[in-house]
Amino acid sequence: MRAVGDAGSSVREQVARTASQFGPDFDPSVLSLAMTLYRTMAVFDRAHAAELAPHGLNLAQFNVLSVLRRADAVMTMGDLAQAVSVRPANLTNLVDGLVKRDLVARELNPDDRRSFLVGVSRSGREFLAGFLPEHWRFLETITGGLSARQRTQLTKLLDGLAQSVLDAEAGASDGQASNGKATALAGAGTDQPGGAGA
């Protein structure tokens, strides 16, 4: 059994160890990318959370508030959930918290009384007007180790990675749907004379 301290070894060391275990068919670049991405997001989220903590906001709430501000218009809860990549049930809790703090306004959708429209409230706009200038400086500071060109390249690469994940998810969903249809057809065949079960 390895010592607990080994958990703190570098990404390169951990990837090399895994590669030695799984042989030549293992692509170390995939694991290296995944581990580096996880570690980067953990560090980024920790810094961002520390910035928001004095204002009583968490990352998810600030994301909702930012998306609504950039939209510059009210949004349905469904559109907002898609924009922030959050499940509708979880989004309701986030919006509830922002409404209680009077940072977001919520009202029934006049075109569909079964849904709600949400937008940044006057208090929310006042908060963002004071907070965002310092926030931009914060982002410049934590990304200061990269040049403008590197930041642009990284943005394009991350967009490509996100699309790759979405394509893989779509392919998996299509495959499951096809397998389910094939299974249903095969099952139907066993119920007919001369079918697969005959």
C-alpha atoms as a PDB file:
ATOM      1  CA  MET A   1       0.000   0.000   0.000  1.00  0.00           C
ATOM      2  CA  ARG A   2       1.367   3.424  -0.932  1.00  0.00           C
ATOM      3  CA  ALA A   3       1.837   6.170   1.613  1.00  0.00           C
ATOM      4  CA  VAL A   4      -0.835   8.843   1.768  1.00  0.00           C
ATOM      5  CA  GLY A   5       1.802  11.394   0.828  1.00  0.00           C
ATOM      6  CA  ASP A   6       1.946   9.942  -2.687  1.00  0.00           C
ATOM      7  CA  ALA A   7      -1.411  11.575  -3.367  1.00  0.00           C
ATOM      8  CA  GLY A   8       0.433  14.886  -3.554  1.00  0.00           C
ATOM      9  CA  SER A   9       2.817  13.778  -6.302  1.00  0.00           C
ATOM     10  CA  SER A  10       2.865  15.736  -9.544  1.00  0.00           C
ATOM     11  CA  VAL A  11       0.503  15.107 -12.425  1.00  0.00           C
ATOM     12  CA  ARG A  12       3.438  13.879 -14.509  1.00  0.00           C
ATOM     13  CA  GLU A  13       4.436  11.334 -11.870  1.00  0.00           C
ATOM     14  CA  GLN A  14       0.899  10.038 -11.438  1.00  0.00           C
ATOM     15  CA  VAL A  15       0.351   9.766 -15.180  1.00  0.00           C
ATOM     16  CA  ALA A  16       3.649   7.935 -15.640  1.00  0.00           C
ATOM     17  CA  ARG A  17       2.728   5.487 -12.886  1.00  0.00           C
ATOM     18  CA  THR A  18      -0.668   4.822 -14.483  1.00  0.00           C
ATOM     19  CA  ALA A  19       0.873   4.393 -17.931  1.00  0.00           C
ATOM     20  CA  SER A  20       3.243   1.746 -16.577  1.00  0.00           C
ATOM     21  CA  GLN A  21       0.251  -0.161 -15.188  1.00  0.00           C
ATOM     22  CA  PHE A  22      -1.943  -0.131 -18.304  1.00  0.00           C
ATOM     23  CA  GLY A  23       0.594  -0.667 -21.062  1.00  0.00           C
ATOM     24  CA  PRO A  24       1.118   0.737 -24.575  1.00  0.00           C
ATOM     25  CA  ASP A  25      -2.588   1.097 -25.411  1.00  0.00           C
ATOM     26  CA  PHE A  26      -2.979   3.710 -22.685  1.00  0.00           C
ATOM     27  CA  ASP A  27      -2.779   7.321 -23.954  1.00  0.00           C
ATOM     28  CA  PRO A  28      -1.145   9.344 -21.137  1.00  0.00           C
ATOM     29  CA  SER A  29      -2.111  12.673 -22.706  1.00  0.00           C
ATOM     30  CA  VAL A  30      -5.799  12.022 -21.958  1.00  0.00           C
ATOM     31  CA  LEU A  31      -5.240  11.461 -18.237  1.00  0.00           C
ATOM     32  CA  SER A  32      -2.749  14.335 -18.081  1.00  0.00           C
ATOM     33  CA  LEU A  33      -5.309  16.694 -19.602  1.00  0.00           C
ATOM     34  CA  ALA A  34      -8.115  15.534 -17.288  1.00  0.00           C
ATOM     35  CA  MET A  35      -6.011  15.797 -14.127  1.00  0.00           C
ATOM     36  CA  THR A  36      -4.622  19.213 -15.076  1.00  0.00           C
ATOM     37  CA  LEU A  37      -8.114  20.463 -15.881  1.00  0.00           C
ATOM     38  CA  TYR A  38      -9.486  19.231 -12.537  1.00  0.00           C
ATOM     39  CA  ARG A  39      -6.636  20.792 -10.591  1.00  0.00           C
ATOM     40  CA  THR A  40      -6.903  24.087 -12.463  1.00  0.00           C
ATOM     41  CA  MET A  41     -10.646  24.317 -11.881  1.00  0.00           C
ATOM     42  CA  ALA A  42     -10.187  23.528  -8.184  1.00  0.00           C
ATOM     43  CA  VAL A  43      -7.632  26.323  -7.813  1.00  0.00           C
ATOM     44  CA  PHE A  44      -9.696  28.746  -9.897  1.00  0.00           C
ATOM     45  CA  ASP A  45     -12.907  27.983  -7.987  1.00  0.00           C
ATOM     46  CA  ARG A  46     -11.149  28.392  -4.634  1.00  0.00           C
ATOM     47  CA  ALA A  47      -9.815  31.823  -5.587  1.00  0.00           C
ATOM     48  CA  HIS A  48     -13.172  32.883  -7.006  1.00  0.00           C
ATOM     49  CA  ALA A  49     -15.058  31.660  -3.931  1.00  0.00           C
ATOM     50  CA  ALA A  50     -12.736  33.665  -1.673  1.00  0.00           C
ATOM     51  CA  GLU A  51     -13.468  36.774  -3.744  1.00  0.00           C
ATOM     52  CA  LEU A  52     -17.242  36.301  -3.466  1.00  0.00           C
ATOM     53  CA  ALA A  53     -17.406  35.218   0.182  1.00  0.00           C
ATOM     54  CA  PRO A  54     -17.400  38.769   1.653  1.00  0.00           C
ATOM     55  CA  HIS A  55     -20.474  39.517  -0.443  1.00  0.00           C
ATOM     56  CA  GLY A  56     -22.357  36.417   0.720  1.00  0.00           C
ATOM     57  CA  LEU A  57     -22.479  34.878  -2.761  1.00  0.00           C
ATOM     58  CA  ASN A  58     -21.325  31.535  -4.064  1.00  0.00           C
ATOM     59  CA  LEU A  59     -20.028  30.733  -7.543  1.00  0.00           C
ATOM     60  CA  ALA A  60     -23.319  29.351  -8.847  1.00  0.00           C
ATOM     61  CA  GLN A  61     -25.285  32.398  -7.677  1.00  0.00           C
ATOM     62  CA  PHE A  62     -22.790  34.787  -9.218  1.00  0.00           C
ATOM     63  CA  ASN A  63     -22.935  32.847 -12.483  1.00  0.00           C
ATOM     64  CA  VAL A  64     -26.726  33.234 -12.585  1.00  0.00           C
ATOM     65  CA  LEU A  65     -26.475  36.933 -11.801  1.00  0.00           C
ATOM     66  CA  SER A  66     -23.807  37.461 -14.464  1.00  0.00           C
ATOM     67  CA  VAL A  67     -25.747  35.619 -17.170  1.00  0.00           C
ATOM     68  CA  LEU A  68     -28.880  37.653 -16.439  1.00  0.00           C
ATOM     69  CA  ARG A  69     -26.884  40.883 -16.577  1.00  0.00           C
ATOM     70  CA  ARG A  70     -25.303  40.010 -19.922  1.00  0.00           C
ATOM     71  CA  ALA A  71     -28.703  39.046 -21.317  1.00  0.00           C
ATOM     72  CA  ASP A  72     -29.903  42.582 -20.519  1.00  0.00           C
ATOM     73  CA  ALA A  73     -33.468  41.252 -20.527  1.00  0.00           C
ATOM     74  CA  VAL A  74     -35.669  38.901 -18.565  1.00  0.00           C
ATOM     75  CA  MET A  75     -35.265  35.185 -19.251  1.00  0.00           C
ATOM     76  CA  THR A  76     -37.462  32.174 -18.715  1.00  0.00           C
ATOM     77  CA  MET A  77     -36.230  29.730 -16.097  1.00  0.00           C
ATOM     78  CA  GLY A  78     -35.758  27.141 -18.859  1.00  0.00           C
ATOM     79  CA  ASP A  79     -33.545  29.429 -20.949  1.00  0.00           C
ATOM     80  CA  LEU A  80     -31.584  30.442 -17.875  1.00  0.00           C
ATOM     81  CA  ALA A  81     -31.035  26.818 -16.842  1.00  0.00           C
ATOM     82  CA  GLN A  82     -29.614  26.065 -20.279  1.00  0.00           C
ATOM     83  CA  ALA A  83     -27.426  29.181 -20.249  1.00  0.00           C
ATOM     84  CA  VAL A  84     -25.821  28.346 -16.900  1.00  0.00           C
ATOM     85  CA  SER A  85     -25.798  24.553 -17.419  1.00  0.00           C
ATOM     86  CA  VAL A  86     -27.762  23.883 -14.237  1.00  0.00           C
ATOM     87  CA  ARG A  87     -30.647  21.494 -13.694  1.00  0.00           C
ATOM     88  CA  PRO A  88     -33.996  23.305 -13.372  1.00  0.00           C
ATOM     89  CA  ALA A  89     -34.556  22.000  -9.832  1.00  0.00           C
ATOM     90  CA  ASN A  90     -31.158  23.296  -8.695  1.00  0.00           C
ATOM     91  CA  LEU A  91     -31.702  26.583 -10.512  1.00  0.00           C
ATOM     92  CA  THR A  92     -34.903  27.195  -8.544  1.00  0.00           C
ATOM     93  CA  ASN A  93     -32.946  27.081  -5.277  1.00  0.00           C
ATOM     94  CA  LEU A  94     -30.293  29.439  -6.654  1.00  0.00           C
ATOM     95  CA  VAL A  95     -32.871  31.942  -7.878  1.00  0.00           C
ATOM     96  CA  ASP A  96     -34.781  31.692  -4.574  1.00  0.00           C
ATOM     97  CA  GLY A  97     -31.651  32.797  -2.739  1.00  0.00           C
ATOM     98  CA  LEU A  98     -31.033  35.704  -5.093  1.00  0.00           C
ATOM     99  CA  VAL A  99     -34.677  36.823  -4.917  1.00  0.00           C
ATOM    100  CA  LYS A 100     -34.545  36.833  -1.097  1.00  0.00           C
ATOM    101  CA  ARG A 101     -31.526  39.135  -1.292  1.00  0.00           C
ATOM    102  CA  ASP A 102     -33.353  41.346  -3.797  1.00  0.00           C
ATOM    103  CA  LEU A 103     -30.625  40.833  -6.402  1.00  0.00           C
ATOM    104  CA  VAL A 104     -32.993  39.150  -8.851  1.00  0.00           C
ATOM    105  CA  ALA A 105     -36.655  39.801  -9.675  1.00  0.00           C
ATOM    106  CA  ARG A 106     -39.013  36.986 -10.609  1.00  0.00           C
ATOM    107  CA  GLU A 107     -42.516  37.187 -12.047  1.00  0.00           C
ATOM    108  CA  LEU A 108     -45.050  35.008 -13.819  1.00  0.00           C
ATOM    109  CA  ASN A 109     -44.597  34.787 -17.569  1.00  0.00           C
ATOM    110  CA  PRO A 110     -47.617  36.589 -19.112  1.00  0.00           C
ATOM    111  CA  ASP A 111     -47.284  34.431 -22.231  1.00  0.00           C
ATOM    112  CA  ASP A 112     -47.170  31.178 -20.260  1.00  0.00           C
ATOM    113  CA  ARG A 113     -48.608  31.254 -16.756  1.00  0.00           C
ATOM    114  CA  ARG A 114     -46.913  27.940 -15.987  1.00  0.00           C
ATOM    115  CA  SER A 115     -43.447  29.524 -16.150  1.00  0.00           C
ATOM    116  CA  PHE A 116     -41.543  32.407 -14.582  1.00  0.00           C
ATOM    117  CA  LEU A 117     -39.439  35.240 -15.986  1.00  0.00           C
ATOM    118  CA  VAL A 118     -36.325  36.326 -14.085  1.00  0.00           C
ATOM    119  CA  GLY A 119     -34.053  39.326 -14.428  1.00  0.00           C
ATOM    120  CA  VAL A 120     -31.576  41.408 -12.468  1.00  0.00           C
ATOM    121  CA  SER A 121     -33.323  43.727 -10.011  1.00  0.00           C
ATOM    122  CA  ARG A 122     -32.392  47.370  -9.428  1.00  0.00           C
ATOM    123  CA  SER A 123     -30.501  46.339  -6.286  1.00  0.00           C
ATOM    124  CA  GLY A 124     -28.724  43.655  -8.306  1.00  0.00           C
ATOM    125  CA  ARG A 125     -27.618  46.158 -10.925  1.00  0.00           C
ATOM    126  CA  GLU A 126     -26.370  48.506  -8.235  1.00  0.00           C
ATOM    127  CA  PHE A 127     -24.380  45.691  -6.638  1.00  0.00           C
ATOM    128  CA  LEU A 128     -22.850  44.635  -9.961  1.00  0.00           C
ATOM    129  CA  ALA A 129     -21.987  48.224 -10.874  1.00  0.00           C
ATOM    130  CA  GLY A 130     -19.862  48.456  -7.747  1.00  0.00           C
ATOM    131  CA  PHE A 131     -18.504  44.904  -7.773  1.00  0.00           C
ATOM    132  CA  LEU A 132     -17.609  44.218 -11.412  1.00  0.00           C
ATOM    133  CA  PRO A 133     -14.774  46.750 -11.915  1.00  0.00           C
ATOM    134  CA  GLU A 134     -12.857  45.126  -9.065  1.00  0.00           C
ATOM    135  CA  HIS A 135     -13.837  41.701 -10.372  1.00  0.00           C
ATOM    136  CA  TRP A 136     -12.283  42.442 -13.775  1.00  0.00           C
ATOM    137  CA  ARG A 137      -9.053  43.433 -12.029  1.00  0.00           C
ATOM    138  CA  PHE A 138      -9.213  40.216 -10.011  1.00  0.00           C
ATOM    139  CA  LEU A 139      -9.526  38.146 -13.201  1.00  0.00           C
ATOM    140  CA  GLU A 140      -6.619  40.015 -14.779  1.00  0.00           C
ATOM    141  CA  THR A 141      -4.513  39.249 -11.719  1.00  0.00           C
ATOM    142  CA  ILE A 142      -5.193  35.514 -11.532  1.00  0.00           C
ATOM    143  CA  THR A 143      -4.678  35.062 -15.297  1.00  0.00           C
ATOM    144  CA  GLY A 144      -1.650  37.354 -15.341  1.00  0.00           C
ATOM    145  CA  GLY A 145       0.720  34.428 -15.788  1.00  0.00           C
ATOM    146  CA  LEU A 146      -0.544  34.043 -19.350  1.00  0.00           C
ATOM    147  CA  SER A 147      -0.098  36.479 -22.212  1.00  0.00           C
ATOM    148  CA  ALA A 148      -3.116  37.825 -24.088  1.00  0.00           C
ATOM    149  CA  ARG A 149      -2.277  35.469 -26.945  1.00  0.00           C
ATOM    150  CA  GLN A 150      -2.060  32.480 -24.611  1.00  0.00           C
ATOM    151  CA  ARG A 151      -5.406  33.350 -23.036  1.00  0.00           C
ATOM    152  CA  THR A 152      -6.992  33.502 -26.478  1.00  0.00           C
ATOM    153  CA  GLN A 153      -5.466  30.152 -27.450  1.00  0.00           C
ATOM    154  CA  LEU A 154      -6.599  28.554 -24.197  1.00  0.00           C
ATOM    155  CA  THR A 155     -10.132  29.869 -24.682  1.00  0.00           C
ATOM    156  CA  LYS A 156     -10.303  28.282 -28.136  1.00  0.00           C
ATOM    157  CA  LEU A 157      -8.920  24.991 -26.845  1.00  0.00           C
ATOM    158  CA  LEU A 158     -11.407  24.869 -23.973  1.00  0.00           C
ATOM    159  CA  ASP A 159     -14.252  25.628 -26.388  1.00  0.00           C
ATOM    160  CA  GLY A 160     -13.065  22.705 -28.487  1.00  0.00           C
ATOM    161  CA  LEU A 161     -12.921  20.450 -25.434  1.00  0.00           C
ATOM    162  CA  ALA A 162     -16.445  21.444 -24.391  1.00  0.00           C
ATOM    163  CA  GLN A 163     -17.724  20.632 -27.872  1.00  0.00           C
ATOM    164  CA  SER A 164     -15.898  17.302 -27.808  1.00  0.00           C
ATOM    165  CA  VAL A 165     -17.647  16.406 -24.547  1.00  0.00           C
ATOM    166  CA  LEU A 166     -21.042  17.441 -25.942  1.00  0.00           C
ATOM    167  CA  ASP A 167     -20.458  15.394 -29.097  1.00  0.00           C
ATOM    168  CA  ALA A 168     -19.481  12.358 -27.025  1.00  0.00           C
ATOM    169  CA  GLU A 169     -22.607  12.737 -24.877  1.00  0.00           C
ATOM    170  CA  ALA A 170     -24.792  13.023 -27.975  1.00  0.00           C
ATOM    171  CA  GLY A 171     -23.164   9.939 -29.470  1.00  0.00           C
ATOM    172  CA  ALA A 172     -23.714   7.972 -26.279  1.00  0.00           C
ATOM    173  CA  SER A 173     -27.361   9.044 -26.150  1.00  0.00           C
ATOM    174  CA  ASP A 174     -27.883   8.074 -29.797  1.00  0.00           C
ATOM    175  CA  GLY A 175     -26.266   4.704 -29.156  1.00  0.00           C
ATOM    176  CA  GLN A 176     -28.480   4.025 -26.147  1.00  0.00           C
ATOM    177  CA  ALA A 177     -31.564   5.007 -28.130  1.00  0.00           C
ATOM    178  CA  SER A 178     -30.560   2.708 -30.987  1.00  0.00           C
ATOM    179  CA  ASN A 179     -29.844  -0.179 -28.633  1.00  0.00           C
ATOM    180  CA  GLY A 180     -33.153   0.352 -26.879  1.00  0.00           C
ATOM    181  CA  LYS A 181     -35.023   0.346 -30.174  1.00  0.00           C
ATOM    182  CA  ALA A 182     -33.232  -2.790 -31.336  1.00  0.00           C
ATOM    183  CA  THR A 183     -34.003  -4.522 -28.043  1.00  0.00           C
ATOM    184  CA  ALA A 184     -37.670  -3.564 -28.309  1.00  0.00           C
ATOM    185  CA  LEU A 185     -37.876  -4.883 -31.866  1.00  0.00           C
ATOM    186  CA  ALA A 186     -36.177  -8.124 -30.881  1.00  0.00           C
ATOM    187  CA  GLY A 187     -38.536  -8.520 -27.958  1.00  0.00           C
ATOM    188  CA  ALA A 188     -41.521  -7.914 -30.205  1.00  0.00           C
ATOM    189  CA  GLY A 189     -40.241 -10.580 -32.581  1.00  0.00           C
ATOM    190  CA  THR A 190     -40.275 -13.233 -29.878  1.00  0.00           C
ATOM    191  CA  ASP A 191     -44.004 -12.710 -29.399  1.00  0.00           C
ATOM    192  CA  GLN A 192     -44.833 -13.479 -33.032  1.00  0.00           C
ATOM    193  CA  PRO A 193     -45.062 -16.900 -34.676  1.00  0.00           C
ATOM    194  CA  GLY A 194     -41.820 -17.608 -36.519  1.00  0.00           C
ATOM    195  CA  GLY A 195     -40.062 -14.821 -34.604  1.00  0.00           C
ATOM    196  CA  ALA A 196     -36.670 -14.972 -32.972  1.00  0.00           C
ATOM    197  CA  GLY A 197     -38.074 -17.018 -30.125  1.00  0.00           C
ATOM    198  CA  ALA A 198     -39.649 -19.652 -32.367  1.00  0.00           C
END
